[in-house]
Amino acid sequence: MVLSVVTVLAVAGCASGAGSTGENARDAAGLTQAEVAGMSLEDEFGLASERYVKMQGLLEEAQLQISDGSWVWIGGDVLPVMGGANAYGEAPEGANEDNSYYVRTSRNVKLKGTTGERADLDPMIQYFDEKGWESGSMKIGRNFEARADTGDGWWVMYTVRPNGQYTVDVYSEVFWTNDSSELRLAIGKRDVTPFPRESVPGKYELFPSWSDPVQP
């Protein structure tokens, strides 16, 4: 891998658990395990819904820097990922797949006439700079990638490829939960709408409501 960092990236967003340990370790939302332990499953479901909407807003804004046309989905977005760590940021001390999760989303777009040039990152890098986010770029194999730390527990990444397939990814850092499997089941058993093959920025699968029927 050839690495060429333009701007030094922080290891984790300011809301993460870096620098705190044990019971004081805070997650991407600034919460400790003890604070989350006092929540019901319904409370956690509500927080997951808010984080999902936040993620979709970040995705839409980033997509619009590149194209307002149709983008192809890379899997569904609704279910959180059992955590401990993710591709970016630092998980709070003690986080694992049972007691934490993160959320992520990705979209692909095929841009006519593009061949994955490094300069194709420039619109996204300019956007990162306008937002005041710490960002950097690198070459990975034949692809170029720009990524930014929003400073509040989120990461936005843009990848350009020689075949013209360009991707925007949004990841959260890690959130505490009382039981990641139980939370995923609570969401998944209420989520019966299949995600679309593609959509324009700002169009996404609605997060289920707690009052929705629970499927067997």
N, C-alpha and C. Protein backbone atom coordinates (compact mmCIF):
# COMPACT_ATOMS: atom_id res chain seq x y z
N MET A 1 0.85 -1.20 0.00
CA MET A 1 0.00 0.00 0.00
C MET A 1 0.88 1.24 0.00
N VAL A 2 0.59 2.15 -0.93
CA VAL A 2 1.28 3.42 -0.96
C VAL A 2 0.45 4.43 -0.20
N LEU A 3 1.03 5.08 0.77
CA LEU A 3 0.28 6.00 1.63
C LEU A 3 0.83 7.39 1.46
N SER A 4 -0.06 8.32 1.16
CA SER A 4 0.35 9.71 1.02
C SER A 4 -0.65 10.57 1.77
N VAL A 5 -0.36 10.90 3.01
CA VAL A 5 -1.30 11.64 3.84
C VAL A 5 -1.13 13.12 3.61
N VAL A 6 -2.22 13.79 3.28
CA VAL A 6 -2.19 15.22 3.02
C VAL A 6 -2.28 16.00 4.32
N THR A 7 -3.21 15.59 5.17
CA THR A 7 -3.39 16.24 6.46
C THR A 7 -3.43 15.16 7.53
N VAL A 8 -2.72 15.36 8.62
CA VAL A 8 -2.68 14.35 9.66
C VAL A 8 -4.05 14.21 10.29
N LEU A 9 -4.53 12.99 10.38
CA LEU A 9 -5.86 12.72 10.94
C LEU A 9 -5.75 12.40 12.41
N ALA A 10 -6.73 12.86 13.16
CA ALA A 10 -6.83 12.44 14.56
C ALA A 10 -7.15 10.96 14.60
N VAL A 11 -6.69 10.26 15.62
CA VAL A 11 -6.96 8.83 15.73
C VAL A 11 -8.43 8.59 15.95
N ALA A 12 -9.07 9.47 16.70
CA ALA A 12 -10.49 9.28 17.00
C ALA A 12 -11.16 10.63 17.13
N GLY A 13 -12.49 10.62 16.97
CA GLY A 13 -13.25 11.85 17.15
C GLY A 13 -13.22 12.29 18.60
N CYS A 14 -13.52 13.56 18.82
CA CYS A 14 -13.38 14.11 20.17
C CYS A 14 -14.36 13.48 21.15
N ALA A 15 -15.43 12.86 20.65
CA ALA A 15 -16.40 12.26 21.56
C ALA A 15 -16.05 10.84 21.95
N SER A 16 -14.99 10.28 21.39
CA SER A 16 -14.69 8.88 21.63
C SER A 16 -14.10 8.67 23.01
N GLY A 17 -13.84 7.38 23.33
CA GLY A 17 -13.34 7.03 24.65
C GLY A 17 -11.85 7.17 24.80
N ALA A 18 -11.13 7.68 23.79
CA ALA A 18 -9.69 7.83 23.90
C ALA A 18 -9.35 8.71 25.08
N GLY A 19 -8.42 8.26 25.90
CA GLY A 19 -7.99 9.07 27.04
C GLY A 19 -8.78 8.81 28.30
N SER A 20 -9.83 8.01 28.23
CA SER A 20 -10.58 7.66 29.43
C SER A 20 -10.59 6.15 29.56
N THR A 21 -10.65 5.67 30.78
CA THR A 21 -10.54 4.24 31.00
C THR A 21 -11.63 3.74 31.93
N GLY A 22 -11.80 2.40 31.92
CA GLY A 22 -12.72 1.76 32.84
C GLY A 22 -14.13 2.33 32.77
N GLU A 23 -14.72 2.56 33.93
CA GLU A 23 -16.10 3.04 33.98
C GLU A 23 -16.26 4.43 33.40
N ASN A 24 -15.15 5.16 33.26
CA ASN A 24 -15.23 6.52 32.72
C ASN A 24 -15.09 6.57 31.21
N ALA A 25 -14.85 5.43 30.58
CA ALA A 25 -14.65 5.41 29.13
C ALA A 25 -15.93 5.85 28.43
N ARG A 26 -15.82 6.84 27.60
CA ARG A 26 -16.98 7.40 26.91
C ARG A 26 -17.01 6.96 25.45
N ASP A 27 -18.23 6.78 24.95
CA ASP A 27 -18.39 6.33 23.57
C ASP A 27 -18.47 7.51 22.61
N ALA A 28 -18.85 7.25 21.38
CA ALA A 28 -18.91 8.29 20.36
C ALA A 28 -19.92 9.38 20.68
N ALA A 29 -20.88 9.08 21.54
CA ALA A 29 -21.89 10.06 21.95
C ALA A 29 -21.53 10.72 23.28
N GLY A 30 -20.38 10.36 23.84
CA GLY A 30 -19.96 10.94 25.11
C GLY A 30 -20.58 10.28 26.32
N LEU A 31 -21.17 9.08 26.13
CA LEU A 31 -21.83 8.37 27.23
C LEU A 31 -20.92 7.30 27.82
N THR A 32 -21.08 7.04 29.11
CA THR A 32 -20.37 5.94 29.76
C THR A 32 -21.26 4.71 29.76
N GLN A 33 -20.66 3.55 30.07
CA GLN A 33 -21.45 2.32 30.17
C GLN A 33 -22.51 2.44 31.26
N ALA A 34 -22.16 3.09 32.36
CA ALA A 34 -23.12 3.22 33.46
C ALA A 34 -24.34 4.01 33.03
N GLU A 35 -24.13 5.04 32.23
CA GLU A 35 -25.25 5.85 31.76
C GLU A 35 -26.14 5.05 30.83
N VAL A 36 -25.54 4.24 29.99
CA VAL A 36 -26.32 3.41 29.07
C VAL A 36 -27.03 2.28 29.82
N ALA A 37 -26.40 1.79 30.88
CA ALA A 37 -27.00 0.70 31.66
C ALA A 37 -28.35 1.11 32.27
N GLY A 38 -28.55 2.40 32.46
CA GLY A 38 -29.81 2.89 33.01
C GLY A 38 -30.90 3.04 31.98
N MET A 39 -30.62 2.70 30.72
CA MET A 39 -31.59 2.85 29.63
C MET A 39 -32.33 1.56 29.38
N SER A 40 -33.57 1.69 28.95
CA SER A 40 -34.34 0.52 28.53
C SER A 40 -33.99 0.20 27.08
N LEU A 41 -34.42 -0.95 26.61
CA LEU A 41 -34.22 -1.31 25.21
C LEU A 41 -34.92 -0.30 24.30
N GLU A 42 -36.08 0.17 24.72
CA GLU A 42 -36.80 1.17 23.92
C GLU A 42 -35.98 2.46 23.83
N ASP A 43 -35.35 2.86 24.94
CA ASP A 43 -34.49 4.05 24.92
C ASP A 43 -33.35 3.88 23.92
N GLU A 44 -32.71 2.72 23.97
CA GLU A 44 -31.59 2.46 23.06
C GLU A 44 -32.06 2.41 21.61
N PHE A 45 -33.22 1.86 21.39
CA PHE A 45 -33.82 1.81 20.06
C PHE A 45 -33.98 3.24 19.52
N GLY A 46 -34.46 4.13 20.38
CA GLY A 46 -34.64 5.53 19.98
C GLY A 46 -33.32 6.20 19.64
N LEU A 47 -32.28 5.93 20.43
CA LEU A 47 -30.97 6.49 20.14
C LEU A 47 -30.43 5.96 18.81
N ALA A 48 -30.61 4.66 18.57
CA ALA A 48 -30.15 4.08 17.30
C ALA A 48 -30.86 4.73 16.13
N SER A 49 -32.14 5.05 16.29
CA SER A 49 -32.89 5.72 15.24
C SER A 49 -32.32 7.11 14.96
N GLU A 50 -32.01 7.86 16.01
CA GLU A 50 -31.43 9.19 15.84
C GLU A 50 -30.07 9.12 15.15
N ARG A 51 -29.28 8.13 15.50
CA ARG A 51 -27.95 7.98 14.90
C ARG A 51 -28.06 7.60 13.44
N TYR A 52 -29.06 6.79 13.12
CA TYR A 52 -29.30 6.41 11.73
C TYR A 52 -29.63 7.64 10.89
N VAL A 53 -30.50 8.49 11.40
CA VAL A 53 -30.87 9.70 10.67
C VAL A 53 -29.67 10.64 10.52
N LYS A 54 -28.87 10.77 11.57
CA LYS A 54 -27.65 11.57 11.50
C LYS A 54 -26.73 11.05 10.41
N MET A 55 -26.55 9.75 10.36
CA MET A 55 -25.70 9.13 9.35
C MET A 55 -26.21 9.42 7.94
N GLN A 56 -27.51 9.32 7.75
CA GLN A 56 -28.08 9.58 6.43
C GLN A 56 -27.90 11.04 6.01
N GLY A 57 -27.96 11.94 6.97
CA GLY A 57 -27.73 13.34 6.65
C GLY A 57 -26.30 13.60 6.20
N LEU A 58 -25.34 12.98 6.88
CA LEU A 58 -23.94 13.10 6.47
C LEU A 58 -23.72 12.49 5.09
N LEU A 59 -24.36 11.35 4.85
CA LEU A 59 -24.23 10.69 3.55
C LEU A 59 -24.78 11.58 2.44
N GLU A 60 -25.97 12.11 2.63
CA GLU A 60 -26.59 12.94 1.59
C GLU A 60 -25.72 14.14 1.25
N GLU A 61 -25.24 14.84 2.26
CA GLU A 61 -24.45 16.04 2.01
C GLU A 61 -23.17 15.71 1.25
N ALA A 62 -22.54 14.59 1.62
CA ALA A 62 -21.32 14.19 0.92
C ALA A 62 -21.62 13.77 -0.52
N GLN A 63 -22.69 13.02 -0.73
CA GLN A 63 -23.05 12.60 -2.09
C GLN A 63 -23.27 13.81 -3.00
N LEU A 64 -23.91 14.84 -2.47
CA LEU A 64 -24.25 16.00 -3.29
C LEU A 64 -23.02 16.79 -3.72
N GLN A 65 -21.88 16.55 -3.09
CA GLN A 65 -20.65 17.18 -3.55
C GLN A 65 -20.20 16.57 -4.87
N ILE A 66 -20.72 15.37 -5.16
CA ILE A 66 -20.26 14.62 -6.33
C ILE A 66 -21.34 14.51 -7.41
N SER A 67 -22.55 14.12 -7.01
CA SER A 67 -23.62 13.92 -7.99
C SER A 67 -24.97 13.90 -7.30
N ASP A 68 -25.97 14.55 -7.92
CA ASP A 68 -27.33 14.48 -7.39
C ASP A 68 -28.15 13.42 -8.12
N GLY A 69 -27.47 12.59 -8.92
CA GLY A 69 -28.13 11.51 -9.63
C GLY A 69 -28.29 10.28 -8.77
N SER A 70 -28.58 9.16 -9.42
CA SER A 70 -28.85 7.92 -8.71
C SER A 70 -27.56 7.24 -8.26
N TRP A 71 -27.57 6.75 -7.01
CA TRP A 71 -26.43 6.02 -6.42
C TRP A 71 -26.87 4.60 -6.09
N VAL A 72 -25.98 3.65 -6.29
CA VAL A 72 -26.27 2.23 -6.02
C VAL A 72 -25.97 1.91 -4.56
N TRP A 73 -26.87 1.17 -3.94
CA TRP A 73 -26.70 0.78 -2.54
C TRP A 73 -25.70 -0.37 -2.43
N ILE A 74 -24.95 -0.40 -1.33
CA ILE A 74 -24.06 -1.52 -1.02
C ILE A 74 -24.59 -2.15 0.27
N GLY A 75 -25.63 -2.93 0.13
CA GLY A 75 -26.26 -3.53 1.31
C GLY A 75 -27.21 -2.56 1.99
N GLY A 76 -27.84 -3.02 3.07
CA GLY A 76 -28.77 -2.19 3.82
C GLY A 76 -28.06 -1.38 4.89
N ASP A 77 -28.79 -0.40 5.44
CA ASP A 77 -28.20 0.54 6.39
C ASP A 77 -28.75 0.43 7.80
N VAL A 78 -29.93 -0.17 7.96
CA VAL A 78 -30.69 -0.02 9.20
C VAL A 78 -30.03 -0.72 10.39
N LEU A 79 -29.58 -1.94 10.20
CA LEU A 79 -29.04 -2.69 11.34
C LEU A 79 -27.67 -2.17 11.76
N PRO A 80 -27.47 -1.93 13.05
CA PRO A 80 -26.14 -1.55 13.53
C PRO A 80 -25.19 -2.74 13.44
N VAL A 81 -23.90 -2.43 13.42
CA VAL A 81 -22.87 -3.47 13.35
C VAL A 81 -22.34 -3.72 14.76
N MET A 82 -22.29 -4.97 15.16
CA MET A 82 -21.77 -5.30 16.49
C MET A 82 -20.33 -4.82 16.58
N GLY A 83 -20.02 -4.13 17.68
CA GLY A 83 -18.83 -3.30 17.70
C GLY A 83 -17.60 -3.85 18.38
N GLY A 84 -16.97 -2.99 19.14
CA GLY A 84 -15.66 -3.22 19.69
C GLY A 84 -14.67 -2.31 19.00
N ALA A 85 -14.71 -2.31 17.69
CA ALA A 85 -13.87 -1.42 16.90
C ALA A 85 -14.45 -1.36 15.50
N ASN A 86 -14.10 -0.34 14.77
CA ASN A 86 -14.47 -0.28 13.36
C ASN A 86 -13.28 0.21 12.56
N ALA A 87 -13.51 0.54 11.31
CA ALA A 87 -12.39 0.90 10.44
C ALA A 87 -11.71 2.19 10.87
N TYR A 88 -12.44 3.08 11.51
CA TYR A 88 -11.88 4.38 11.87
C TYR A 88 -12.22 4.72 13.32
N GLY A 89 -11.37 5.47 13.93
CA GLY A 89 -11.62 5.88 15.30
C GLY A 89 -11.15 4.82 16.28
N GLU A 90 -11.24 5.14 17.53
CA GLU A 90 -10.78 4.26 18.60
C GLU A 90 -11.94 3.93 19.52
N ALA A 91 -12.17 2.64 19.72
CA ALA A 91 -13.26 2.21 20.60
C ALA A 91 -12.89 2.51 22.05
N PRO A 92 -13.89 2.82 22.89
CA PRO A 92 -13.59 3.02 24.31
C PRO A 92 -13.07 1.73 24.93
N GLU A 93 -12.26 1.86 25.95
CA GLU A 93 -11.69 0.69 26.61
C GLU A 93 -12.80 -0.22 27.12
N GLY A 94 -12.67 -1.51 26.85
CA GLY A 94 -13.65 -2.49 27.30
C GLY A 94 -14.74 -2.78 26.30
N ALA A 95 -14.78 -2.05 25.18
CA ALA A 95 -15.82 -2.28 24.18
C ALA A 95 -15.58 -3.59 23.46
N ASN A 96 -16.65 -4.34 23.22
CA ASN A 96 -16.57 -5.59 22.46
C ASN A 96 -17.85 -5.78 21.67
N GLU A 97 -17.98 -6.93 21.00
CA GLU A 97 -19.14 -7.16 20.14
C GLU A 97 -20.45 -7.26 20.93
N ASP A 98 -20.37 -7.59 22.18
CA ASP A 98 -21.58 -7.75 22.99
C ASP A 98 -22.10 -6.43 23.56
N ASN A 99 -21.18 -5.51 23.87
CA ASN A 99 -21.59 -4.30 24.60
C ASN A 99 -21.45 -3.01 23.81
N SER A 100 -21.23 -3.12 22.51
CA SER A 100 -21.09 -1.89 21.72
C SER A 100 -21.45 -2.15 20.26
N TYR A 101 -21.65 -1.08 19.52
CA TYR A 101 -21.97 -1.18 18.10
C TYR A 101 -21.59 0.12 17.41
N TYR A 102 -21.58 0.06 16.09
CA TYR A 102 -21.43 1.27 15.31
C TYR A 102 -22.38 1.18 14.12
N VAL A 103 -22.55 2.27 13.39
CA VAL A 103 -23.42 2.27 12.22
C VAL A 103 -22.60 2.71 11.00
N ARG A 104 -23.02 2.25 9.83
CA ARG A 104 -22.27 2.56 8.62
C ARG A 104 -23.20 2.52 7.42
N THR A 105 -22.81 3.21 6.36
CA THR A 105 -23.56 3.20 5.11
C THR A 105 -22.60 3.47 3.96
N SER A 106 -22.93 2.94 2.78
CA SER A 106 -22.09 3.13 1.60
C SER A 106 -22.97 3.26 0.36
N ARG A 107 -22.55 4.09 -0.58
CA ARG A 107 -23.22 4.21 -1.87
C ARG A 107 -22.17 4.32 -2.98
N ASN A 108 -22.49 3.72 -4.13
CA ASN A 108 -21.63 3.78 -5.31
C ASN A 108 -22.28 4.63 -6.40
N VAL A 109 -21.46 5.33 -7.17
CA VAL A 109 -21.95 6.04 -8.33
C VAL A 109 -20.98 5.84 -9.49
N LYS A 110 -21.50 5.69 -10.66
CA LYS A 110 -20.70 5.54 -11.88
C LYS A 110 -20.74 6.87 -12.62
N LEU A 111 -19.58 7.52 -12.70
CA LEU A 111 -19.51 8.82 -13.34
C LEU A 111 -18.92 8.69 -14.73
N LYS A 112 -19.63 9.20 -15.71
CA LYS A 112 -19.21 9.07 -17.10
C LYS A 112 -17.87 9.75 -17.34
N GLY A 113 -16.98 9.02 -17.99
CA GLY A 113 -15.70 9.60 -18.39
C GLY A 113 -14.65 9.64 -17.30
N THR A 114 -14.96 9.15 -16.10
CA THR A 114 -13.98 9.21 -15.01
C THR A 114 -13.11 7.96 -15.00
N THR A 115 -11.85 8.14 -14.60
CA THR A 115 -10.90 7.03 -14.60
C THR A 115 -10.11 6.94 -13.29
N GLY A 116 -10.66 7.49 -12.22
CA GLY A 116 -10.01 7.35 -10.92
C GLY A 116 -8.79 8.21 -10.71
N GLU A 117 -8.77 9.38 -11.31
CA GLU A 117 -7.63 10.28 -11.14
C GLU A 117 -7.62 10.87 -9.72
N ARG A 118 -6.44 11.13 -9.21
CA ARG A 118 -6.30 11.73 -7.88
C ARG A 118 -7.07 13.04 -7.79
N ALA A 119 -7.12 13.81 -8.86
CA ALA A 119 -7.81 15.10 -8.86
C ALA A 119 -9.31 14.95 -8.64
N ASP A 120 -9.85 13.76 -8.89
CA ASP A 120 -11.29 13.55 -8.69
C ASP A 120 -11.67 13.59 -7.22
N LEU A 121 -10.69 13.51 -6.32
CA LEU A 121 -10.96 13.66 -4.89
C LEU A 121 -11.19 15.11 -4.50
N ASP A 122 -10.74 16.05 -5.34
CA ASP A 122 -10.69 17.46 -4.95
C ASP A 122 -12.02 18.03 -4.47
N PRO A 123 -13.16 17.75 -5.15
CA PRO A 123 -14.43 18.31 -4.65
C PRO A 123 -14.74 17.88 -3.22
N MET A 124 -14.42 16.62 -2.90
CA MET A 124 -14.71 16.14 -1.54
C MET A 124 -13.73 16.73 -0.54
N ILE A 125 -12.47 16.83 -0.92
CA ILE A 125 -11.48 17.42 -0.02
C ILE A 125 -11.83 18.88 0.26
N GLN A 126 -12.27 19.60 -0.77
CA GLN A 126 -12.68 20.99 -0.58
C GLN A 126 -13.86 21.07 0.39
N TYR A 127 -14.80 20.15 0.24
CA TYR A 127 -15.95 20.08 1.15
C TYR A 127 -15.49 19.82 2.58
N PHE A 128 -14.58 18.87 2.76
CA PHE A 128 -14.04 18.59 4.10
C PHE A 128 -13.41 19.85 4.70
N ASP A 129 -12.66 20.57 3.88
CA ASP A 129 -12.01 21.80 4.35
C ASP A 129 -13.04 22.85 4.75
N GLU A 130 -14.10 22.98 3.94
CA GLU A 130 -15.14 23.95 4.25
C GLU A 130 -15.85 23.62 5.56
N LYS A 131 -15.97 22.34 5.86
CA LYS A 131 -16.59 21.92 7.11
C LYS A 131 -15.65 22.07 8.30
N GLY A 132 -14.38 22.28 8.03
CA GLY A 132 -13.41 22.41 9.10
C GLY A 132 -13.02 21.07 9.71
N TRP A 133 -13.20 19.98 8.95
CA TRP A 133 -12.88 18.65 9.44
C TRP A 133 -11.42 18.31 9.16
N GLU A 134 -10.81 17.57 10.07
CA GLU A 134 -9.47 17.04 9.79
C GLU A 134 -9.61 15.97 8.72
N SER A 135 -8.79 16.05 7.68
CA SER A 135 -8.93 15.11 6.58
C SER A 135 -7.58 14.75 6.00
N GLY A 136 -7.57 13.70 5.22
CA GLY A 136 -6.35 13.25 4.56
C GLY A 136 -6.69 12.44 3.34
N SER A 137 -5.70 12.17 2.50
CA SER A 137 -5.92 11.35 1.32
C SER A 137 -4.79 10.35 1.19
N MET A 138 -5.05 9.27 0.47
CA MET A 138 -4.04 8.23 0.30
C MET A 138 -4.31 7.46 -0.97
N LYS A 139 -3.29 6.75 -1.44
CA LYS A 139 -3.44 5.84 -2.57
C LYS A 139 -3.38 4.43 -2.04
N ILE A 140 -4.37 3.62 -2.39
CA ILE A 140 -4.42 2.23 -1.98
C ILE A 140 -4.52 1.38 -3.24
N GLY A 141 -3.42 0.76 -3.60
CA GLY A 141 -3.39 0.04 -4.85
C GLY A 141 -3.55 1.01 -6.01
N ARG A 142 -4.59 0.81 -6.81
CA ARG A 142 -4.87 1.71 -7.94
C ARG A 142 -5.93 2.75 -7.59
N ASN A 143 -6.46 2.69 -6.39
CA ASN A 143 -7.53 3.61 -5.97
C ASN A 143 -6.97 4.77 -5.16
N PHE A 144 -7.73 5.87 -5.17
CA PHE A 144 -7.42 7.00 -4.30
C PHE A 144 -8.57 7.20 -3.32
N GLU A 145 -8.23 7.60 -2.10
CA GLU A 145 -9.22 7.73 -1.05
C GLU A 145 -8.99 9.01 -0.24
N ALA A 146 -10.07 9.70 0.07
CA ALA A 146 -10.02 10.85 0.99
C ALA A 146 -10.96 10.54 2.14
N ARG A 147 -10.54 10.88 3.35
CA ARG A 147 -11.40 10.63 4.49
C ARG A 147 -11.29 11.76 5.49
N ALA A 148 -12.33 11.95 6.27
CA ALA A 148 -12.38 13.05 7.22
C ALA A 148 -12.99 12.61 8.53
N ASP A 149 -12.47 13.17 9.60
CA ASP A 149 -12.98 12.99 10.95
C ASP A 149 -13.83 14.22 11.27
N THR A 150 -15.12 14.03 11.48
CA THR A 150 -16.01 15.16 11.74
C THR A 150 -15.77 15.80 13.10
N GLY A 151 -15.06 15.10 13.97
CA GLY A 151 -14.77 15.63 15.29
C GLY A 151 -15.84 15.36 16.32
N ASP A 152 -16.94 14.74 15.90
CA ASP A 152 -18.01 14.42 16.86
C ASP A 152 -18.46 12.97 16.72
N GLY A 153 -17.49 12.10 16.40
CA GLY A 153 -17.78 10.68 16.40
C GLY A 153 -18.13 10.06 15.06
N TRP A 154 -17.88 10.80 13.96
CA TRP A 154 -18.24 10.29 12.64
C TRP A 154 -17.07 10.44 11.66
N TRP A 155 -17.05 9.56 10.65
CA TRP A 155 -16.05 9.60 9.60
C TRP A 155 -16.75 9.54 8.24
N VAL A 156 -16.24 10.32 7.29
CA VAL A 156 -16.75 10.31 5.92
C VAL A 156 -15.58 9.97 5.00
N MET A 157 -15.80 9.04 4.09
CA MET A 157 -14.74 8.59 3.19
C MET A 157 -15.23 8.61 1.75
N TYR A 158 -14.34 8.97 0.85
CA TYR A 158 -14.65 9.00 -0.58
C TYR A 158 -13.55 8.27 -1.32
N THR A 159 -13.92 7.28 -2.15
CA THR A 159 -12.96 6.47 -2.89
C THR A 159 -13.23 6.58 -4.38
N VAL A 160 -12.18 6.81 -5.17
CA VAL A 160 -12.30 6.86 -6.63
C VAL A 160 -11.47 5.73 -7.23
N ARG A 161 -12.01 5.10 -8.27
CA ARG A 161 -11.38 3.92 -8.86
C ARG A 161 -11.22 4.09 -10.37
N PRO A 162 -10.23 3.43 -10.95
CA PRO A 162 -10.00 3.53 -12.40
C PRO A 162 -11.19 3.11 -13.25
N ASN A 163 -12.04 2.22 -12.73
CA ASN A 163 -13.21 1.77 -13.51
C ASN A 163 -14.38 2.75 -13.45
N GLY A 164 -14.19 3.89 -12.78
CA GLY A 164 -15.25 4.89 -12.69
C GLY A 164 -16.26 4.66 -11.61
N GLN A 165 -16.11 3.59 -10.83
CA GLN A 165 -16.99 3.34 -9.69
C GLN A 165 -16.46 4.10 -8.48
N TYR A 166 -17.23 5.11 -8.05
CA TYR A 166 -16.81 5.96 -6.94
C TYR A 166 -17.75 5.73 -5.75
N THR A 167 -17.21 5.75 -4.56
CA THR A 167 -17.97 5.36 -3.37
C THR A 167 -17.87 6.40 -2.26
N VAL A 168 -19.00 6.70 -1.64
CA VAL A 168 -19.04 7.48 -0.40
C VAL A 168 -19.43 6.53 0.73
N ASP A 169 -18.64 6.55 1.80
CA ASP A 169 -18.91 5.76 3.00
C ASP A 169 -19.05 6.69 4.19
N VAL A 170 -19.96 6.37 5.08
CA VAL A 170 -20.08 7.09 6.36
C VAL A 170 -20.07 6.05 7.47
N TYR A 171 -19.21 6.27 8.47
CA TYR A 171 -19.11 5.37 9.63
C TYR A 171 -19.24 6.20 10.90
N SER A 172 -19.84 5.61 11.89
CA SER A 172 -19.76 6.20 13.23
C SER A 172 -18.60 5.55 13.96
N GLU A 173 -18.16 6.20 15.05
CA GLU A 173 -17.32 5.51 16.00
C GLU A 173 -18.23 4.64 16.88
N VAL A 174 -17.70 4.09 17.93
CA VAL A 174 -18.41 3.05 18.69
C VAL A 174 -19.33 3.63 19.76
N PHE A 175 -20.53 3.06 19.86
CA PHE A 175 -21.51 3.42 20.90
C PHE A 175 -21.68 2.24 21.86
N TRP A 176 -21.83 2.57 23.15
CA TRP A 176 -22.16 1.53 24.13
C TRP A 176 -23.59 1.04 23.93
N THR A 177 -23.82 -0.20 24.30
CA THR A 177 -25.18 -0.76 24.37
C THR A 177 -25.20 -1.80 25.49
N ASN A 178 -26.36 -2.08 26.02
CA ASN A 178 -26.47 -3.12 27.03
C ASN A 178 -26.37 -4.52 26.43
N ASP A 179 -26.78 -4.64 25.17
CA ASP A 179 -26.72 -5.95 24.49
C ASP A 179 -26.88 -5.70 22.99
N SER A 180 -25.80 -5.82 22.25
CA SER A 180 -25.85 -5.52 20.82
C SER A 180 -26.76 -6.48 20.06
N SER A 181 -26.77 -7.76 20.43
CA SER A 181 -27.63 -8.73 19.75
C SER A 181 -29.10 -8.41 19.98
N GLU A 182 -29.43 -8.07 21.21
CA GLU A 182 -30.82 -7.74 21.55
C GLU A 182 -31.27 -6.49 20.80
N LEU A 183 -30.38 -5.50 20.69
CA LEU A 183 -30.74 -4.28 19.96
C LEU A 183 -30.93 -4.56 18.48
N ARG A 184 -30.03 -5.36 17.89
CA ARG A 184 -30.16 -5.71 16.47
C ARG A 184 -31.48 -6.45 16.22
N LEU A 185 -31.84 -7.37 17.12
CA LEU A 185 -33.09 -8.11 16.96
C LEU A 185 -34.30 -7.18 17.07
N ALA A 186 -34.24 -6.24 18.02
CA ALA A 186 -35.35 -5.31 18.20
C ALA A 186 -35.57 -4.47 16.95
N ILE A 187 -34.49 -4.12 16.28
CA ILE A 187 -34.59 -3.33 15.05
C ILE A 187 -34.97 -4.23 13.88
N GLY A 188 -34.25 -5.34 13.74
CA GLY A 188 -34.45 -6.21 12.59
C GLY A 188 -35.84 -6.82 12.51
N LYS A 189 -36.43 -7.16 13.65
CA LYS A 189 -37.76 -7.77 13.64
C LYS A 189 -38.86 -6.76 13.35
N ARG A 190 -38.51 -5.47 13.35
CA ARG A 190 -39.49 -4.44 12.98
C ARG A 190 -39.20 -3.88 11.58
N ASP A 191 -38.10 -4.29 11.01
CA ASP A 191 -37.68 -3.76 9.71
C ASP A 191 -38.02 -4.76 8.62
N VAL A 192 -39.14 -4.53 7.93
CA VAL A 192 -39.59 -5.49 6.91
C VAL A 192 -39.55 -4.88 5.50
N THR A 193 -39.07 -3.64 5.39
CA THR A 193 -39.02 -2.98 4.08
C THR A 193 -37.68 -3.27 3.42
N PRO A 194 -37.69 -3.91 2.24
CA PRO A 194 -36.42 -4.18 1.56
C PRO A 194 -35.78 -2.87 1.08
N PHE A 195 -34.45 -2.80 1.17
CA PHE A 195 -33.80 -1.58 0.71
C PHE A 195 -33.76 -1.57 -0.82
N PRO A 196 -33.78 -0.38 -1.42
CA PRO A 196 -33.80 -0.29 -2.88
C PRO A 196 -32.44 -0.62 -3.48
N ARG A 197 -32.41 -0.89 -4.76
CA ARG A 197 -31.14 -1.13 -5.45
C ARG A 197 -30.36 0.17 -5.58
N GLU A 198 -31.08 1.27 -5.80
CA GLU A 198 -30.42 2.56 -5.94
C GLU A 198 -31.39 3.68 -5.57
N SER A 199 -30.84 4.85 -5.31
CA SER A 199 -31.67 6.01 -4.95
C SER A 199 -30.84 7.27 -5.10
N VAL A 200 -31.54 8.40 -5.16
CA VAL A 200 -30.85 9.69 -5.23
C VAL A 200 -30.47 10.10 -3.80
N PRO A 201 -29.53 11.03 -3.64
CA PRO A 201 -29.16 11.48 -2.29
C PRO A 201 -30.37 11.96 -1.49
N GLY A 202 -30.41 11.58 -0.22
CA GLY A 202 -31.51 11.99 0.65
C GLY A 202 -32.66 11.02 0.70
N LYS A 203 -32.66 10.02 -0.18
CA LYS A 203 -33.70 8.99 -0.16
C LYS A 203 -33.11 7.73 0.46
N TYR A 204 -33.75 7.24 1.52
CA TYR A 204 -33.21 6.07 2.19
C TYR A 204 -34.33 5.30 2.87
N GLU A 205 -34.01 4.08 3.26
CA GLU A 205 -34.97 3.24 3.97
C GLU A 205 -35.29 3.84 5.33
N LEU A 206 -36.57 3.97 5.65
CA LEU A 206 -36.96 4.54 6.93
C LEU A 206 -36.62 3.59 8.07
N PHE A 207 -36.14 4.16 9.16
CA PHE A 207 -35.87 3.36 10.35
C PHE A 207 -37.22 2.96 10.95
N PRO A 208 -37.34 1.72 11.42
CA PRO A 208 -38.64 1.31 11.99
C PRO A 208 -38.97 2.07 13.27
N SER A 209 -40.24 2.04 13.64
CA SER A 209 -40.70 2.63 14.89
C SER A 209 -40.85 1.55 15.94
N TRP A 210 -40.66 1.94 17.19
CA TRP A 210 -40.81 0.98 18.29
C TRP A 210 -42.21 0.38 18.31
N SER A 211 -43.19 1.15 17.85
CA SER A 211 -44.58 0.69 17.87
C SER A 211 -44.92 -0.22 16.69
N ASP A 212 -43.99 -0.42 15.76
CA ASP A 212 -44.24 -1.31 14.62
C ASP A 212 -44.42 -2.76 15.10
N PRO A 213 -45.20 -3.55 14.39
CA PRO A 213 -45.36 -4.96 14.75
C PRO A 213 -44.02 -5.69 14.75
N VAL A 214 -43.84 -6.56 15.72
CA VAL A 214 -42.62 -7.37 15.78
C VAL A 214 -42.85 -8.67 15.02
N GLN A 215 -42.01 -8.93 14.04
CA GLN A 215 -42.16 -10.12 13.23
C GLN A 215 -41.62 -11.34 13.97
N PRO A 216 -42.17 -12.52 13.71
CA PRO A 216 -41.71 -13.73 14.41
C PRO A 216 -40.30 -14.11 13.98
